[in-house]
Amino acid sequence: MRHVDGLAACGPGARAIIGSFAHALSWEPAGMPERDAREGEALLWFRRSERPIALVTLARVKEEPPKTAIRAEKHEHSPEVGRVLRNA
């Protein structure tokens, strides 16, 4: 754990997550925000930085619609269609 320099905790309960992590390793978190993260937010803590713990809004990524299989279209196989195509 000594190689861990940063921690991100998302959503409600993020303050408790950072607090528990810091307590377990005897680290002192610097500048905990007054309020907890909400849905779509996170707390970021870079342990070796002088900066306080940051409350950030997470970017929403637009989900791509699922790709649908391309259906093979039915083709006309009558003699009349063949004649029209040959004469075209």
PDB file of N, CA and C in Angstrom:
ATOM      1  N   MET A   1       0.806  -1.190   0.000  1.00  0.00           N
ATOM      2  CA  MET A   1       0.000   0.000   0.000  1.00  0.00           C
ATOM      3  C   MET A   1       0.856   1.264   0.000  1.00  0.00           C
ATOM      4  N   ARG A   2       2.111   1.155   0.299  1.00  0.00           N
ATOM      5  CA  ARG A   2       2.953   2.355   0.348  1.00  0.00           C
ATOM      6  C   ARG A   2       3.139   2.966  -1.035  1.00  0.00           C
ATOM      7  N   HIS A   3       2.829   2.203  -2.092  1.00  0.00           N
ATOM      8  CA  HIS A   3       2.963   2.715  -3.450  1.00  0.00           C
ATOM      9  C   HIS A   3       1.717   3.449  -3.924  1.00  0.00           C
ATOM     10  N   VAL A   4       0.665   3.418  -3.135  1.00  0.00           N
ATOM     11  CA  VAL A   4      -0.571   4.099  -3.496  1.00  0.00           C
ATOM     12  C   VAL A   4      -0.400   5.589  -3.260  1.00  0.00           C
ATOM     13  N   ASP A   5      -0.574   6.370  -4.319  1.00  0.00           N
ATOM     14  CA  ASP A   5      -0.449   7.821  -4.192  1.00  0.00           C
ATOM     15  C   ASP A   5      -1.786   8.522  -4.354  1.00  0.00           C
ATOM     16  N   GLY A   6      -2.761   7.848  -4.938  1.00  0.00           N
ATOM     17  CA  GLY A   6      -4.046   8.484  -5.166  1.00  0.00           C
ATOM     18  C   GLY A   6      -5.189   7.533  -4.903  1.00  0.00           C
ATOM     19  N   LEU A   7      -6.323   8.129  -4.576  1.00  0.00           N
ATOM     20  CA  LEU A   7      -7.511   7.344  -4.283  1.00  0.00           C
ATOM     21  C   LEU A   7      -8.717   8.095  -4.815  1.00  0.00           C
ATOM     22  N   ALA A   8      -9.609   7.388  -5.476  1.00  0.00           N
ATOM     23  CA  ALA A   8     -10.879   7.957  -5.938  1.00  0.00           C
ATOM     24  C   ALA A   8     -11.998   7.162  -5.288  1.00  0.00           C
ATOM     25  N   ALA A   9     -12.932   7.872  -4.695  1.00  0.00           N
ATOM     26  CA  ALA A   9     -14.100   7.244  -4.072  1.00  0.00           C
ATOM     27  C   ALA A   9     -15.332   7.905  -4.678  1.00  0.00           C
ATOM     28  N   CYS A  10     -16.227   7.091  -5.213  1.00  0.00           N
ATOM     29  CA  CYS A  10     -17.367   7.616  -5.960  1.00  0.00           C
ATOM     30  C   CYS A  10     -18.663   7.540  -5.173  1.00  0.00           C
ATOM     31  N   GLY A  11     -19.517   8.535  -5.403  1.00  0.00           N
ATOM     32  CA  GLY A  11     -20.875   8.524  -4.905  1.00  0.00           C
ATOM     33  C   GLY A  11     -21.011   8.665  -3.399  1.00  0.00           C
ATOM     34  N   PRO A  12     -22.247   8.504  -2.920  1.00  0.00           N
ATOM     35  CA  PRO A  12     -22.514   8.618  -1.488  1.00  0.00           C
ATOM     36  C   PRO A  12     -21.647   7.634  -0.692  1.00  0.00           C
ATOM     37  N   GLY A  13     -21.096   8.111   0.399  1.00  0.00           N
ATOM     38  CA  GLY A  13     -20.212   7.260   1.205  1.00  0.00           C
ATOM     39  C   GLY A  13     -18.752   7.432   0.868  1.00  0.00           C
ATOM     40  N   ALA A  14     -18.417   8.309  -0.069  1.00  0.00           N
ATOM     41  CA  ALA A  14     -17.029   8.500  -0.490  1.00  0.00           C
ATOM     42  C   ALA A  14     -16.157   9.013   0.656  1.00  0.00           C
ATOM     43  N   ARG A  15     -16.714   9.905   1.476  1.00  0.00           N
ATOM     44  CA  ARG A  15     -15.942  10.425   2.621  1.00  0.00           C
ATOM     45  C   ARG A  15     -15.566   9.289   3.567  1.00  0.00           C
ATOM     46  N   ALA A  16     -16.501   8.400   3.833  1.00  0.00           N
ATOM     47  CA  ALA A  16     -16.236   7.273   4.728  1.00  0.00           C
ATOM     48  C   ALA A  16     -15.195   6.326   4.134  1.00  0.00           C
ATOM     49  N   ILE A  17     -15.245   6.131   2.827  1.00  0.00           N
ATOM     50  CA  ILE A  17     -14.269   5.247   2.165  1.00  0.00           C
ATOM     51  C   ILE A  17     -12.864   5.812   2.317  1.00  0.00           C
ATOM     52  N   ILE A  18     -12.702   7.099   2.019  1.00  0.00           N
ATOM     53  CA  ILE A  18     -11.381   7.717   2.142  1.00  0.00           C
ATOM     54  C   ILE A  18     -10.939   7.722   3.599  1.00  0.00           C
ATOM     55  N   GLY A  19     -11.851   8.041   4.499  1.00  0.00           N
ATOM     56  CA  GLY A  19     -11.508   8.044   5.921  1.00  0.00           C
ATOM     57  C   GLY A  19     -11.060   6.680   6.419  1.00  0.00           C
ATOM     58  N   SER A  20     -11.779   5.637   6.033  1.00  0.00           N
ATOM     59  CA  SER A  20     -11.419   4.269   6.451  1.00  0.00           C
ATOM     60  C   SER A  20     -10.081   3.845   5.867  1.00  0.00           C
ATOM     61  N   PHE A  21      -9.852   4.175   4.608  1.00  0.00           N
ATOM     62  CA  PHE A  21      -8.599   3.818   3.949  1.00  0.00           C
ATOM     63  C   PHE A  21      -7.425   4.521   4.636  1.00  0.00           C
ATOM     64  N   ALA A  22      -7.587   5.814   4.877  1.00  0.00           N
ATOM     65  CA  ALA A  22      -6.522   6.587   5.516  1.00  0.00           C
ATOM     66  C   ALA A  22      -6.254   6.075   6.930  1.00  0.00           C
ATOM     67  N   HIS A  23      -7.314   5.775   7.671  1.00  0.00           N
ATOM     68  CA  HIS A  23      -7.159   5.277   9.046  1.00  0.00           C
ATOM     69  C   HIS A  23      -6.433   3.924   9.064  1.00  0.00           C
ATOM     70  N   ALA A  24      -6.788   3.045   8.133  1.00  0.00           N
ATOM     71  CA  ALA A  24      -6.172   1.717   8.084  1.00  0.00           C
ATOM     72  C   ALA A  24      -4.671   1.801   7.832  1.00  0.00           C
ATOM     73  N   LEU A  25      -4.231   2.844   7.137  1.00  0.00           N
ATOM     74  CA  LEU A  25      -2.807   2.983   6.825  1.00  0.00           C
ATOM     75  C   LEU A  25      -2.123   4.063   7.650  1.00  0.00           C
ATOM     76  N   SER A  26      -2.839   4.587   8.640  1.00  0.00           N
ATOM     77  CA  SER A  26      -2.302   5.651   9.510  1.00  0.00           C
ATOM     78  C   SER A  26      -1.875   6.882   8.714  1.00  0.00           C
ATOM     79  N   TRP A  27      -2.659   7.236   7.720  1.00  0.00           N
ATOM     80  CA  TRP A  27      -2.418   8.446   6.939  1.00  0.00           C
ATOM     81  C   TRP A  27      -3.426   9.493   7.379  1.00  0.00           C
ATOM     82  N   GLU A  28      -3.060  10.722   7.249  1.00  0.00           N
ATOM     83  CA  GLU A  28      -3.955  11.821   7.596  1.00  0.00           C
ATOM     84  C   GLU A  28      -4.458  12.475   6.312  1.00  0.00           C
ATOM     85  N   PRO A  29      -5.748  12.291   5.965  1.00  0.00           N
ATOM     86  CA  PRO A  29      -6.242  12.939   4.748  1.00  0.00           C
ATOM     87  C   PRO A  29      -6.286  14.451   4.921  1.00  0.00           C
ATOM     88  N   ALA A  30      -5.855  15.163   3.899  1.00  0.00           N
ATOM     89  CA  ALA A  30      -5.789  16.623   3.956  1.00  0.00           C
ATOM     90  C   ALA A  30      -7.046  17.257   3.369  1.00  0.00           C
ATOM     91  N   GLY A  31      -7.672  18.111   4.155  1.00  0.00           N
ATOM     92  CA  GLY A  31      -8.764  18.937   3.637  1.00  0.00           C
ATOM     93  C   GLY A  31      -9.961  18.182   3.100  1.00  0.00           C
ATOM     94  N   MET A  32     -10.617  17.398   3.919  1.00  0.00           N
ATOM     95  CA  MET A  32     -11.817  16.666   3.507  1.00  0.00           C
ATOM     96  C   MET A  32     -12.935  17.681   3.205  1.00  0.00           C
ATOM     97  N   PRO A  33     -13.629  17.557   2.064  1.00  0.00           N
ATOM     98  CA  PRO A  33     -14.736  18.464   1.755  1.00  0.00           C
ATOM     99  C   PRO A  33     -15.829  18.394   2.825  1.00  0.00           C
ATOM    100  N   GLU A  34     -16.583  19.475   2.948  1.00  0.00           N
ATOM    101  CA  GLU A  34     -17.630  19.545   3.961  1.00  0.00           C
ATOM    102  C   GLU A  34     -18.773  18.574   3.698  1.00  0.00           C
ATOM    103  N   ARG A  35     -19.054  18.310   2.448  1.00  0.00           N
ATOM    104  CA  ARG A  35     -20.148  17.393   2.128  1.00  0.00           C
ATOM    105  C   ARG A  35     -19.622  16.165   1.400  1.00  0.00           C
ATOM    106  N   ASP A  36     -20.407  15.108   1.452  1.00  0.00           N
ATOM    107  CA  ASP A  36     -20.054  13.862   0.783  1.00  0.00           C
ATOM    108  C   ASP A  36     -20.346  13.977  -0.710  1.00  0.00           C
ATOM    109  N   ALA A  37     -19.744  13.127  -1.469  1.00  0.00           N
ATOM    110  CA  ALA A  37     -20.032  13.067  -2.904  1.00  0.00           C
ATOM    111  C   ALA A  37     -21.455  12.556  -3.093  1.00  0.00           C
ATOM    112  N   ARG A  38     -22.072  13.007  -4.146  1.00  0.00           N
ATOM    113  CA  ARG A  38     -23.410  12.548  -4.498  1.00  0.00           C
ATOM    114  C   ARG A  38     -23.299  11.640  -5.718  1.00  0.00           C
ATOM    115  N   GLU A  39     -24.430  11.153  -6.156  1.00  0.00           N
ATOM    116  CA  GLU A  39     -24.463  10.344  -7.390  1.00  0.00           C
ATOM    117  C   GLU A  39     -23.857  11.175  -8.516  1.00  0.00           C
ATOM    118  N   GLY A  40     -22.919  10.605  -9.246  1.00  0.00           N
ATOM    119  CA  GLY A  40     -22.270  11.306 -10.354  1.00  0.00           C
ATOM    120  C   GLY A  40     -21.090  12.174  -9.930  1.00  0.00           C
ATOM    121  N   GLU A  41     -20.669  12.048  -8.677  1.00  0.00           N
ATOM    122  CA  GLU A  41     -19.524  12.807  -8.171  1.00  0.00           C
ATOM    123  C   GLU A  41     -18.528  11.845  -7.513  1.00  0.00           C
ATOM    124  N   ALA A  42     -17.320  12.329  -7.317  1.00  0.00           N
ATOM    125  CA  ALA A  42     -16.289  11.522  -6.659  1.00  0.00           C
ATOM    126  C   ALA A  42     -15.382  12.427  -5.848  1.00  0.00           C
ATOM    127  N   LEU A  43     -14.735  11.850  -4.864  1.00  0.00           N
ATOM    128  CA  LEU A  43     -13.686  12.527  -4.114  1.00  0.00           C
ATOM    129  C   LEU A  43     -12.351  11.975  -4.596  1.00  0.00           C
ATOM    130  N   LEU A  44     -11.409  12.863  -4.887  1.00  0.00           N
ATOM    131  CA  LEU A  44     -10.073  12.473  -5.339  1.00  0.00           C
ATOM    132  C   LEU A  44      -9.054  12.941  -4.318  1.00  0.00           C
ATOM    133  N   TRP A  45      -8.205  12.036  -3.908  1.00  0.00           N
ATOM    134  CA  TRP A  45      -7.173  12.353  -2.934  1.00  0.00           C
ATOM    135  C   TRP A  45      -5.839  11.866  -3.469  1.00  0.00           C
ATOM    136  N   PHE A  46      -4.911  12.789  -3.618  1.00  0.00           N
ATOM    137  CA  PHE A  46      -3.540  12.458  -3.986  1.00  0.00           C
ATOM    138  C   PHE A  46      -2.693  12.677  -2.733  1.00  0.00           C
ATOM    139  N   ARG A  47      -2.337  11.610  -2.098  1.00  0.00           N
ATOM    140  CA  ARG A  47      -1.743  11.605  -0.768  1.00  0.00           C
ATOM    141  C   ARG A  47      -0.488  12.455  -0.658  1.00  0.00           C
ATOM    142  N   ARG A  48       0.347  12.435  -1.641  1.00  0.00           N
ATOM    143  CA  ARG A  48       1.622  13.160  -1.559  1.00  0.00           C
ATOM    144  C   ARG A  48       1.518  14.603  -2.046  1.00  0.00           C
ATOM    145  N   SER A  49       0.308  15.014  -2.342  1.00  0.00           N
ATOM    146  CA  SER A  49       0.087  16.378  -2.808  1.00  0.00           C
ATOM    147  C   SER A  49      -0.300  17.264  -1.626  1.00  0.00           C
ATOM    148  N   GLU A  50      -0.026  18.549  -1.742  1.00  0.00           N
ATOM    149  CA  GLU A  50      -0.424  19.523  -0.726  1.00  0.00           C
ATOM    150  C   GLU A  50      -1.891  19.912  -0.891  1.00  0.00           C
ATOM    151  N   ARG A  51      -2.484  19.528  -2.005  1.00  0.00           N
ATOM    152  CA  ARG A  51      -3.864  19.910  -2.313  1.00  0.00           C
ATOM    153  C   ARG A  51      -4.855  19.185  -1.405  1.00  0.00           C
ATOM    154  N   PRO A  52      -5.973  19.868  -1.095  1.00  0.00           N
ATOM    155  CA  PRO A  52      -7.023  19.186  -0.335  1.00  0.00           C
ATOM    156  C   PRO A  52      -7.724  18.149  -1.213  1.00  0.00           C
ATOM    157  N   ILE A  53      -8.484  17.291  -0.588  1.00  0.00           N
ATOM    158  CA  ILE A  53      -9.254  16.288  -1.318  1.00  0.00           C
ATOM    159  C   ILE A  53     -10.251  17.025  -2.211  1.00  0.00           C
ATOM    160  N   ALA A  54     -10.309  16.644  -3.473  1.00  0.00           N
ATOM    161  CA  ALA A  54     -11.143  17.351  -4.453  1.00  0.00           C
ATOM    162  C   ALA A  54     -12.480  16.648  -4.641  1.00  0.00           C
ATOM    163  N   LEU A  55     -13.529  17.441  -4.710  1.00  0.00           N
ATOM    164  CA  LEU A  55     -14.863  16.951  -5.041  1.00  0.00           C
ATOM    165  C   LEU A  55     -15.070  17.260  -6.517  1.00  0.00           C
ATOM    166  N   VAL A  56     -15.234  16.227  -7.338  1.00  0.00           N
ATOM    167  CA  VAL A  56     -15.346  16.420  -8.791  1.00  0.00           C
ATOM    168  C   VAL A  56     -16.635  15.799  -9.316  1.00  0.00           C
ATOM    169  N   THR A  57     -17.103  16.358 -10.415  1.00  0.00           N
ATOM    170  CA  THR A  57     -18.257  15.806 -11.114  1.00  0.00           C
ATOM    171  C   THR A  57     -17.739  14.866 -12.185  1.00  0.00           C
ATOM    172  N   LEU A  58     -18.303  13.679 -12.238  1.00  0.00           N
ATOM    173  CA  LEU A  58     -17.877  12.685 -13.218  1.00  0.00           C
ATOM    174  C   LEU A  58     -18.523  12.976 -14.569  1.00  0.00           C
ATOM    175  N   ALA A  59     -17.766  12.778 -15.612  1.00  0.00           N
ATOM    176  CA  ALA A  59     -18.296  12.965 -16.962  1.00  0.00           C
ATOM    177  C   ALA A  59     -19.183  11.788 -17.328  1.00  0.00           C
ATOM    178  N   ARG A  60     -20.271  12.083 -17.957  1.00  0.00           N
ATOM    179  CA  ARG A  60     -21.150  11.018 -18.435  1.00  0.00           C
ATOM    180  C   ARG A  60     -20.776  10.703 -19.877  1.00  0.00           C
ATOM    181  N   VAL A  61     -20.624   9.442 -20.146  1.00  0.00           N
ATOM    182  CA  VAL A  61     -20.277   8.995 -21.488  1.00  0.00           C
ATOM    183  C   VAL A  61     -21.549   8.479 -22.146  1.00  0.00           C
ATOM    184  N   LYS A  62     -21.799   8.985 -23.336  1.00  0.00           N
ATOM    185  CA  LYS A  62     -22.987   8.538 -24.055  1.00  0.00           C
ATOM    186  C   LYS A  62     -22.764   7.104 -24.522  1.00  0.00           C
ATOM    187  N   GLU A  63     -23.717   6.273 -24.202  1.00  0.00           N
ATOM    188  CA  GLU A  63     -23.608   4.867 -24.568  1.00  0.00           C
ATOM    189  C   GLU A  63     -23.989   4.692 -26.029  1.00  0.00           C
ATOM    190  N   GLU A  64     -23.191   3.939 -26.744  1.00  0.00           N
ATOM    191  CA  GLU A  64     -23.480   3.649 -28.146  1.00  0.00           C
ATOM    192  C   GLU A  64     -24.645   2.673 -28.228  1.00  0.00           C
ATOM    193  N   PRO A  65     -25.554   2.903 -29.166  1.00  0.00           N
ATOM    194  CA  PRO A  65     -26.644   1.928 -29.314  1.00  0.00           C
ATOM    195  C   PRO A  65     -26.080   0.604 -29.795  1.00  0.00           C
ATOM    196  N   PRO A  66     -26.698  -0.499 -29.407  1.00  0.00           N
ATOM    197  CA  PRO A  66     -26.176  -1.796 -29.841  1.00  0.00           C
ATOM    198  C   PRO A  66     -26.271  -1.926 -31.354  1.00  0.00           C
ATOM    199  N   LYS A  67     -25.253  -2.537 -31.900  1.00  0.00           N
ATOM    200  CA  LYS A  67     -25.255  -2.759 -33.346  1.00  0.00           C
ATOM    201  C   LYS A  67     -26.199  -3.903 -33.658  1.00  0.00           C
ATOM    202  N   THR A  68     -27.074  -3.668 -34.608  1.00  0.00           N
ATOM    203  CA  THR A  68     -28.006  -4.718 -34.989  1.00  0.00           C
ATOM    204  C   THR A  68     -27.445  -5.465 -36.176  1.00  0.00           C
ATOM    205  N   ALA A  69     -27.750  -6.701 -36.222  1.00  0.00           N
ATOM    206  CA  ALA A  69     -27.274  -7.521 -37.338  1.00  0.00           C
ATOM    207  C   ALA A  69     -27.951  -7.046 -38.617  1.00  0.00           C
ATOM    208  N   ILE A  70     -27.181  -6.975 -39.663  1.00  0.00           N
ATOM    209  CA  ILE A  70     -27.735  -6.559 -40.950  1.00  0.00           C
ATOM    210  C   ILE A  70     -28.491  -7.735 -41.536  1.00  0.00           C
ATOM    211  N   ARG A  71     -29.747  -7.493 -41.802  1.00  0.00           N
ATOM    212  CA  ARG A  71     -30.566  -8.568 -42.367  1.00  0.00           C
ATOM    213  C   ARG A  71     -30.330  -8.654 -43.868  1.00  0.00           C
ATOM    214  N   ALA A  72     -30.248  -9.861 -44.340  1.00  0.00           N
ATOM    215  CA  ALA A  72     -30.164 -10.064 -45.783  1.00  0.00           C
ATOM    216  C   ALA A  72     -31.551  -9.813 -46.364  1.00  0.00           C
ATOM    217  N   GLU A  73     -31.582  -8.898 -47.297  1.00  0.00           N
ATOM    218  CA  GLU A  73     -32.873  -8.587 -47.902  1.00  0.00           C
ATOM    219  C   GLU A  73     -33.242  -9.677 -48.889  1.00  0.00           C
ATOM    220  N   LYS A  74     -34.528  -9.925 -48.991  1.00  0.00           N
ATOM    221  CA  LYS A  74     -34.995 -10.922 -49.949  1.00  0.00           C
ATOM    222  C   LYS A  74     -34.902 -10.336 -51.348  1.00  0.00           C
ATOM    223  N   HIS A  75     -34.381 -11.126 -52.245  1.00  0.00           N
ATOM    224  CA  HIS A  75     -34.253 -10.693 -53.634  1.00  0.00           C
ATOM    225  C   HIS A  75     -35.235 -11.479 -54.492  1.00  0.00           C
ATOM    226  N   GLU A  76     -35.726 -10.803 -55.481  1.00  0.00           N
ATOM    227  CA  GLU A  76     -36.666 -11.422 -56.422  1.00  0.00           C
ATOM    228  C   GLU A  76     -35.866 -12.319 -57.365  1.00  0.00           C
ATOM    229  N   HIS A  77     -36.347 -13.547 -57.578  1.00  0.00           N
ATOM    230  CA  HIS A  77     -35.643 -14.475 -58.451  1.00  0.00           C
ATOM    231  C   HIS A  77     -36.530 -14.934 -59.605  1.00  0.00           C
ATOM    232  N   SER A  78     -37.481 -14.126 -59.986  1.00  0.00           N
ATOM    233  CA  SER A  78     -38.374 -14.531 -61.074  1.00  0.00           C
ATOM    234  C   SER A  78     -37.708 -14.271 -62.428  1.00  0.00           C
ATOM    235  N   PRO A  79     -38.115 -14.985 -63.460  1.00  0.00           N
ATOM    236  CA  PRO A  79     -37.534 -14.804 -64.800  1.00  0.00           C
ATOM    237  C   PRO A  79     -37.731 -13.385 -65.326  1.00  0.00           C
ATOM    238  N   GLU A  80     -38.844 -12.733 -64.970  1.00  0.00           N
ATOM    239  CA  GLU A  80     -39.093 -11.379 -65.460  1.00  0.00           C
ATOM    240  C   GLU A  80     -38.045 -10.398 -64.937  1.00  0.00           C
ATOM    241  N   VAL A  81     -37.684 -10.527 -63.680  1.00  0.00           N
ATOM    242  CA  VAL A  81     -36.678  -9.642 -63.099  1.00  0.00           C
ATOM    243  C   VAL A  81     -35.326  -9.877 -63.790  1.00  0.00           C
ATOM    244  N   GLY A  82     -35.001 -11.127 -64.059  1.00  0.00           N
ATOM    245  CA  GLY A  82     -33.755 -11.444 -64.741  1.00  0.00           C
ATOM    246  C   GLY A  82     -33.691 -10.802 -66.105  1.00  0.00           C
ATOM    247  N   ARG A  83     -34.787 -10.840 -66.848  1.00  0.00           N
ATOM    248  CA  ARG A  83     -34.833 -10.212 -68.191  1.00  0.00           C
ATOM    249  C   ARG A  83     -34.629  -8.711 -68.092  1.00  0.00           C
ATOM    250  N   VAL A  84     -35.294  -8.088 -67.134  1.00  0.00           N
ATOM    251  CA  VAL A  84     -35.168  -6.632 -66.975  1.00  0.00           C
ATOM    252  C   VAL A  84     -33.719  -6.275 -66.648  1.00  0.00           C
ATOM    253  N   LEU A  85     -33.075  -7.025 -65.787  1.00  0.00           N
ATOM    254  CA  LEU A  85     -31.717  -6.739 -65.417  1.00  0.00           C
ATOM    255  C   LEU A  85     -30.735  -6.953 -66.575  1.00  0.00           C
ATOM    256  N   ARG A  86     -30.995  -7.981 -67.374  1.00  0.00           N
ATOM    257  CA  ARG A  86     -30.103  -8.236 -68.519  1.00  0.00           C
ATOM    258  C   ARG A  86     -30.243  -7.153 -69.574  1.00  0.00           C
ATOM    259  N   ASN A  87     -31.425  -6.602 -69.713  1.00  0.00           N
ATOM    260  CA  ASN A  87     -31.652  -5.562 -70.733  1.00  0.00           C
ATOM    261  C   ASN A  87     -31.255  -4.177 -70.255  1.00  0.00           C
ATOM    262  N   ALA A  88     -30.954  -4.038 -69.013  1.00  0.00           N
ATOM    263  CA  ALA A  88     -30.639  -2.703 -68.478  1.00  0.00           C
ATOM    264  C   ALA A  88     -29.252  -2.274 -68.858  1.00  0.00           C
TER     265      ALA A  88
END
